[in-house]
Amino acid sequence: VYEDPTGENDPLTYHHVGATNIEKVIDYLKGEFNSPKKLMVTGSSAGGVGTLTNYHFFRSELDPDKSFLLNDSGPIFSATETVGNQYMLQQKIKLEWNLDYILGKFLAAFPDFDFDGDFGVINDALSYYYPNDQLATTMFKRDANYSMYSYARFYDLDETIPEEKEMVLDLWAEDIDRMVVKYDNLHNFAYFIPYFRDMNESHCTTIVEFTGTEILDSGIDAGDFIEDLLDGGGTTSYYEPDNPSDADVSNFWMALVNLLL
């Protein structure tokens, strides 16, 4: 139920059935592609969250020879009441989005993991149950979109105030650092984290093009990382140190996107 913030109109009621819609899509794909040789599940932002939460269902039902996951800028960080900064967001989502349906399926598929206590264990579960798959995530350290969604309202921070925006980005960076430690201990989960891109609030690395995703002056960008991922021979992780000179990188397409936004 969506209330009108002005109070002038009646509330609107929408019936969201995302999980069952995904099941219908998978049924369709099973009819079109019988055990494909390669499967890649990917998405950006909220679609990155969907990549993590739906990977198992695509993977198990389509049964490909090789399978790959790439989550672009939709991380589900490990978060409990005492550790991690995304806990309040995760609990809000659980309350509003009726996650019992999909959590029940997770608990049945991954009985060794407690999703009620920490949604972030989806990363551990996928790595554990699909040890031969190549799994990866990518995001900018200075992502000023998903970070604000994750923390601002829950920590009573105003993203229009520069000092408070930096506080939000600090929470984001702390969670990224925890994620990096986790992924370094998961043999088949890699990460690609450039510092900043002056486009779309530095949100999403795989949209429009790969310019601005380079790691320092190495020449390695998100496109190279994805090619390595799909080669299937193991993927090197990258985490760019603070690099304010990234703000100087621009081209026609980046400027056009910023103009449209």
Protein backbone atom coordinates (compact mmCIF):
# COMPACT_ATOMS: atom_id res chain seq x y z
CA VAL A 1 0.00 0.00 0.00
CA TYR A 2 1.48 3.29 -1.13
CA GLU A 3 0.31 6.37 0.73
CA ASP A 4 0.18 9.73 -1.05
CA PRO A 5 2.76 11.86 0.81
CA THR A 6 0.62 14.95 0.13
CA GLY A 7 -2.46 13.34 1.69
CA GLU A 8 -4.57 14.57 -1.21
CA ASN A 9 -5.25 11.20 -2.86
CA ASP A 10 -6.30 7.76 -1.70
CA PRO A 11 -3.57 5.16 -1.13
CA LEU A 12 -2.65 2.95 -4.06
CA THR A 13 -2.42 -0.82 -3.66
CA TYR A 14 -0.08 -2.86 -5.83
CA HIS A 15 0.36 -6.62 -5.76
CA HIS A 16 4.01 -7.43 -6.32
CA VAL A 17 4.69 -11.05 -7.31
CA GLY A 18 8.33 -10.87 -8.38
CA ALA A 19 9.34 -14.30 -7.12
CA THR A 20 6.53 -16.13 -8.89
CA ASN A 21 7.15 -14.10 -12.05
CA ILE A 22 10.77 -15.28 -12.00
CA GLU A 23 9.54 -18.86 -11.72
CA LYS A 24 7.42 -18.37 -14.83
CA VAL A 25 10.40 -16.92 -16.70
CA ILE A 26 12.51 -19.92 -15.71
CA ASP A 27 9.80 -22.30 -16.90
CA TYR A 28 9.77 -20.49 -20.25
CA LEU A 29 13.57 -20.65 -20.55
CA LYS A 30 13.59 -24.36 -19.75
CA GLY A 31 11.34 -24.88 -22.76
CA GLU A 32 13.55 -22.79 -25.01
CA PHE A 33 17.02 -23.83 -23.81
CA ASN A 34 17.58 -27.41 -22.72
CA SER A 35 20.70 -27.52 -20.48
CA PRO A 36 22.63 -24.65 -22.12
CA LYS A 37 26.41 -24.89 -22.39
CA LYS A 38 26.88 -21.54 -20.66
CA LEU A 39 24.62 -19.48 -18.41
CA MET A 40 25.31 -15.95 -17.17
CA VAL A 41 23.02 -14.34 -14.61
CA THR A 42 23.62 -10.62 -14.20
CA GLY A 43 21.90 -7.38 -13.28
CA SER A 44 22.64 -3.84 -12.13
CA SER A 45 21.55 -2.00 -8.98
CA ALA A 46 18.29 -3.59 -7.78
CA GLY A 47 18.92 -6.08 -10.57
CA GLY A 48 22.18 -6.92 -8.85
CA VAL A 49 20.21 -7.87 -5.74
CA GLY A 50 17.99 -9.97 -7.99
CA THR A 51 21.07 -11.62 -9.45
CA LEU A 52 22.11 -12.88 -6.02
CA THR A 53 18.65 -13.88 -4.86
CA ASN A 54 17.62 -15.64 -8.08
CA TYR A 55 20.89 -17.19 -9.23
CA HIS A 56 20.22 -20.52 -7.52
CA PHE A 57 16.80 -20.87 -9.18
CA PHE A 58 18.11 -20.20 -12.69
CA ARG A 59 21.19 -22.32 -12.07
CA SER A 60 19.45 -25.35 -10.62
CA GLU A 61 16.55 -25.42 -13.07
CA LEU A 62 18.42 -24.71 -16.32
CA ASP A 63 21.37 -26.98 -15.38
CA PRO A 64 24.05 -25.46 -17.66
CA ASP A 65 27.47 -27.00 -18.28
CA LYS A 66 29.09 -23.81 -16.97
CA SER A 67 27.53 -20.97 -15.03
CA PHE A 68 28.53 -17.42 -14.12
CA LEU A 69 27.17 -14.71 -11.82
CA LEU A 70 27.91 -10.99 -12.05
CA ASN A 71 26.25 -8.65 -9.57
CA ASP A 72 26.73 -5.03 -10.60
CA SER A 73 26.22 -2.60 -7.72
CA GLY A 74 23.48 -4.41 -5.82
CA PRO A 75 25.38 -5.94 -2.92
CA ILE A 76 23.75 -7.81 -0.07
CA PHE A 77 26.31 -7.26 2.66
CA SER A 78 26.63 -9.41 5.74
CA ALA A 79 24.67 -7.59 8.43
CA THR A 80 23.45 -8.48 11.90
CA GLU A 81 22.28 -6.33 14.77
CA THR A 82 25.86 -5.95 15.96
CA VAL A 83 28.02 -6.25 12.83
CA GLY A 84 27.54 -4.52 9.48
CA ASN A 85 25.71 -1.35 8.50
CA GLN A 86 23.02 -2.71 6.17
CA TYR A 87 21.00 -4.50 8.85
CA MET A 88 18.22 -1.91 9.16
CA LEU A 89 17.70 -1.83 5.39
CA GLN A 90 17.53 -5.61 5.23
CA GLN A 91 14.98 -5.77 8.04
CA LYS A 92 12.86 -3.08 6.38
CA ILE A 93 12.88 -5.05 3.13
CA LYS A 94 11.94 -8.22 4.97
CA LEU A 95 8.99 -6.42 6.56
CA GLU A 96 7.70 -4.71 3.43
CA TRP A 97 8.38 -7.26 0.70
CA ASN A 98 7.04 -10.49 2.21
CA LEU A 99 10.32 -12.37 1.98
CA ASP A 100 8.98 -15.43 3.78
CA TYR A 101 8.21 -17.09 0.44
CA ILE A 102 11.73 -16.85 -0.96
CA LEU A 103 13.42 -17.32 2.43
CA GLY A 104 11.57 -20.61 2.78
CA LYS A 105 13.02 -21.72 -0.56
CA PHE A 106 16.51 -20.65 0.51
CA LEU A 107 16.28 -22.57 3.77
CA ALA A 108 15.20 -25.68 1.86
CA ALA A 109 17.97 -25.33 -0.74
CA PHE A 110 20.72 -24.21 1.66
CA PRO A 111 19.95 -25.86 5.02
CA ASP A 112 23.42 -25.11 6.39
CA PHE A 113 22.86 -21.34 6.33
CA ASP A 114 20.71 -19.06 8.53
CA PHE A 115 19.11 -16.44 6.30
CA ASP A 116 16.89 -15.07 9.04
CA GLY A 117 19.92 -13.87 10.96
CA ASP A 118 21.84 -12.37 8.05
CA PHE A 119 20.73 -12.01 4.42
CA GLY A 120 24.38 -11.63 3.42
CA VAL A 121 24.97 -15.35 3.83
CA ILE A 122 23.51 -15.76 0.33
CA ASN A 123 27.06 -15.05 -0.88
CA ASP A 124 28.48 -17.87 1.25
CA ALA A 125 25.70 -20.28 0.29
CA LEU A 126 26.13 -19.77 -3.46
CA SER A 127 29.89 -20.19 -3.20
CA TYR A 128 29.53 -23.34 -1.11
CA TYR A 129 26.82 -25.07 -3.14
CA TYR A 130 28.22 -24.10 -6.55
CA PRO A 131 31.98 -24.49 -6.05
CA ASN A 132 32.74 -24.83 -9.76
CA ASP A 133 30.86 -21.68 -10.82
CA GLN A 134 32.56 -18.34 -11.37
CA LEU A 135 30.87 -15.72 -9.19
CA ALA A 136 31.64 -12.01 -9.05
CA THR A 137 30.49 -8.59 -7.91
CA THR A 138 31.42 -5.08 -8.98
CA MET A 139 30.66 -1.59 -7.65
CA PHE A 140 32.28 1.79 -7.15
CA LYS A 141 33.73 2.70 -3.77
CA ARG A 142 32.14 6.16 -4.18
CA ASP A 143 28.69 4.93 -5.26
CA ALA A 144 26.43 7.77 -4.11
CA ASN A 145 23.19 6.07 -5.15
CA TYR A 146 22.94 2.61 -3.63
CA SER A 147 24.83 3.77 -0.55
CA MET A 148 22.26 6.50 0.13
CA TYR A 149 19.44 4.00 -0.35
CA SER A 150 21.13 1.60 2.05
CA TYR A 151 21.91 3.93 4.93
CA ALA A 152 20.73 7.55 4.76
CA ARG A 153 17.18 7.24 6.10
CA PHE A 154 18.13 4.57 8.63
CA TYR A 155 20.95 6.62 10.15
CA ASP A 156 19.04 9.92 9.92
CA LEU A 157 21.57 11.39 7.51
CA ASP A 158 20.78 14.02 4.88
CA GLU A 159 22.60 13.24 1.64
CA THR A 160 22.18 16.86 0.45
CA ILE A 161 24.55 17.97 3.22
CA PRO A 162 28.13 17.24 2.05
CA GLU A 163 29.41 16.23 5.49
CA GLU A 164 26.53 13.81 6.02
CA LYS A 165 26.89 12.42 2.50
CA GLU A 166 30.49 11.57 3.38
CA MET A 167 29.25 9.80 6.51
CA VAL A 168 27.00 7.64 4.34
CA LEU A 169 29.88 6.84 2.00
CA ASP A 170 31.98 5.88 5.03
CA LEU A 171 29.31 3.34 6.05
CA TRP A 172 29.34 2.01 2.48
CA ALA A 173 33.14 1.73 2.46
CA GLU A 174 33.10 -0.13 5.79
CA ASP A 175 30.68 -2.70 4.39
CA ILE A 176 32.74 -3.06 1.21
CA ASP A 177 35.84 -3.74 3.30
CA ARG A 178 33.99 -6.48 5.21
CA MET A 179 32.76 -7.95 1.93
CA VAL A 180 36.30 -8.02 0.52
CA VAL A 181 37.51 -9.99 3.54
CA LYS A 182 34.62 -12.45 3.05
CA TYR A 183 35.22 -12.85 -0.69
CA ASP A 184 38.94 -13.36 -0.17
CA ASN A 185 37.98 -16.47 1.79
CA LEU A 186 35.51 -17.72 -0.83
CA HIS A 187 37.55 -19.42 -3.53
CA ASN A 188 35.18 -18.70 -6.42
CA PHE A 189 33.83 -15.21 -5.61
CA ALA A 190 35.78 -12.30 -7.11
CA TYR A 191 35.29 -8.53 -6.92
CA PHE A 192 36.03 -5.51 -9.10
CA ILE A 193 35.80 -2.23 -7.20
CA PRO A 194 37.03 0.92 -8.96
CA TYR A 195 37.09 4.14 -6.97
CA PHE A 196 34.85 6.67 -8.76
CA ARG A 197 33.27 7.59 -12.07
CA ASP A 198 31.68 10.96 -12.73
CA MET A 199 28.49 9.48 -14.20
CA ASN A 200 25.18 8.36 -12.71
CA GLU A 201 26.35 9.22 -9.17
CA SER A 202 29.15 6.69 -9.65
CA HIS A 203 26.49 3.97 -9.63
CA CYS A 204 26.87 0.79 -11.71
CA THR A 205 30.10 -0.13 -13.50
CA THR A 206 28.70 -2.05 -16.48
CA ILE A 207 26.21 0.48 -17.88
CA VAL A 208 26.75 2.59 -21.03
CA GLU A 209 30.44 1.68 -21.40
CA PHE A 210 33.53 0.79 -19.39
CA THR A 211 35.34 4.14 -19.61
CA GLY A 212 36.03 5.40 -16.12
CA THR A 213 36.18 1.94 -14.54
CA GLU A 214 39.95 1.55 -14.97
CA ILE A 215 42.02 0.50 -11.95
CA LEU A 216 44.63 3.28 -11.60
CA ASP A 217 46.87 3.29 -14.70
CA SER A 218 46.84 -0.49 -15.15
CA GLY A 219 44.62 -0.31 -18.23
CA ILE A 220 42.36 -2.95 -16.66
CA ASP A 221 38.68 -1.99 -16.70
CA ALA A 222 35.37 -3.69 -15.97
CA GLY A 223 35.29 -5.14 -19.48
CA ASP A 224 38.58 -6.94 -18.93
CA PHE A 225 37.31 -8.26 -15.60
CA ILE A 226 34.15 -9.65 -17.24
CA GLU A 227 36.16 -11.29 -20.04
CA ASP A 228 38.34 -13.02 -17.44
CA LEU A 229 35.23 -14.11 -15.56
CA LEU A 230 33.70 -15.71 -18.64
CA ASP A 231 36.95 -17.43 -19.57
CA GLY A 232 36.25 -19.62 -16.56
CA GLY A 233 39.87 -20.08 -15.56
CA GLY A 234 39.71 -18.07 -12.34
CA THR A 235 39.25 -14.34 -11.88
CA THR A 236 41.62 -11.87 -10.22
CA SER A 237 39.98 -9.43 -7.80
CA TYR A 238 40.66 -5.69 -7.93
CA TYR A 239 40.04 -2.98 -5.31
CA GLU A 240 41.27 0.44 -6.39
CA PRO A 241 42.79 2.67 -3.71
CA ASP A 242 41.44 6.18 -3.29
CA ASN A 243 42.04 7.94 -6.58
CA PRO A 244 40.55 11.45 -6.78
CA SER A 245 41.96 11.87 -10.30
CA ASP A 246 39.11 9.61 -11.47
CA ALA A 247 36.97 12.77 -11.38
CA ASP A 248 38.91 14.03 -14.41
CA VAL A 249 37.92 11.09 -16.63
CA SER A 250 35.09 11.92 -19.01
CA ASN A 251 33.93 11.53 -22.59
CA PHE A 252 30.90 12.25 -24.75
CA TRP A 253 28.76 9.39 -23.46
CA MET A 254 29.44 10.09 -19.81
CA ALA A 255 28.63 13.77 -20.32
CA LEU A 256 25.44 12.85 -22.20
CA VAL A 257 24.23 10.55 -19.42
CA ASN A 258 24.86 13.24 -16.82
CA LEU A 259 22.99 15.75 -18.95
CA LEU A 260 20.00 13.42 -19.27
CA LEU A 261 19.99 12.75 -15.53
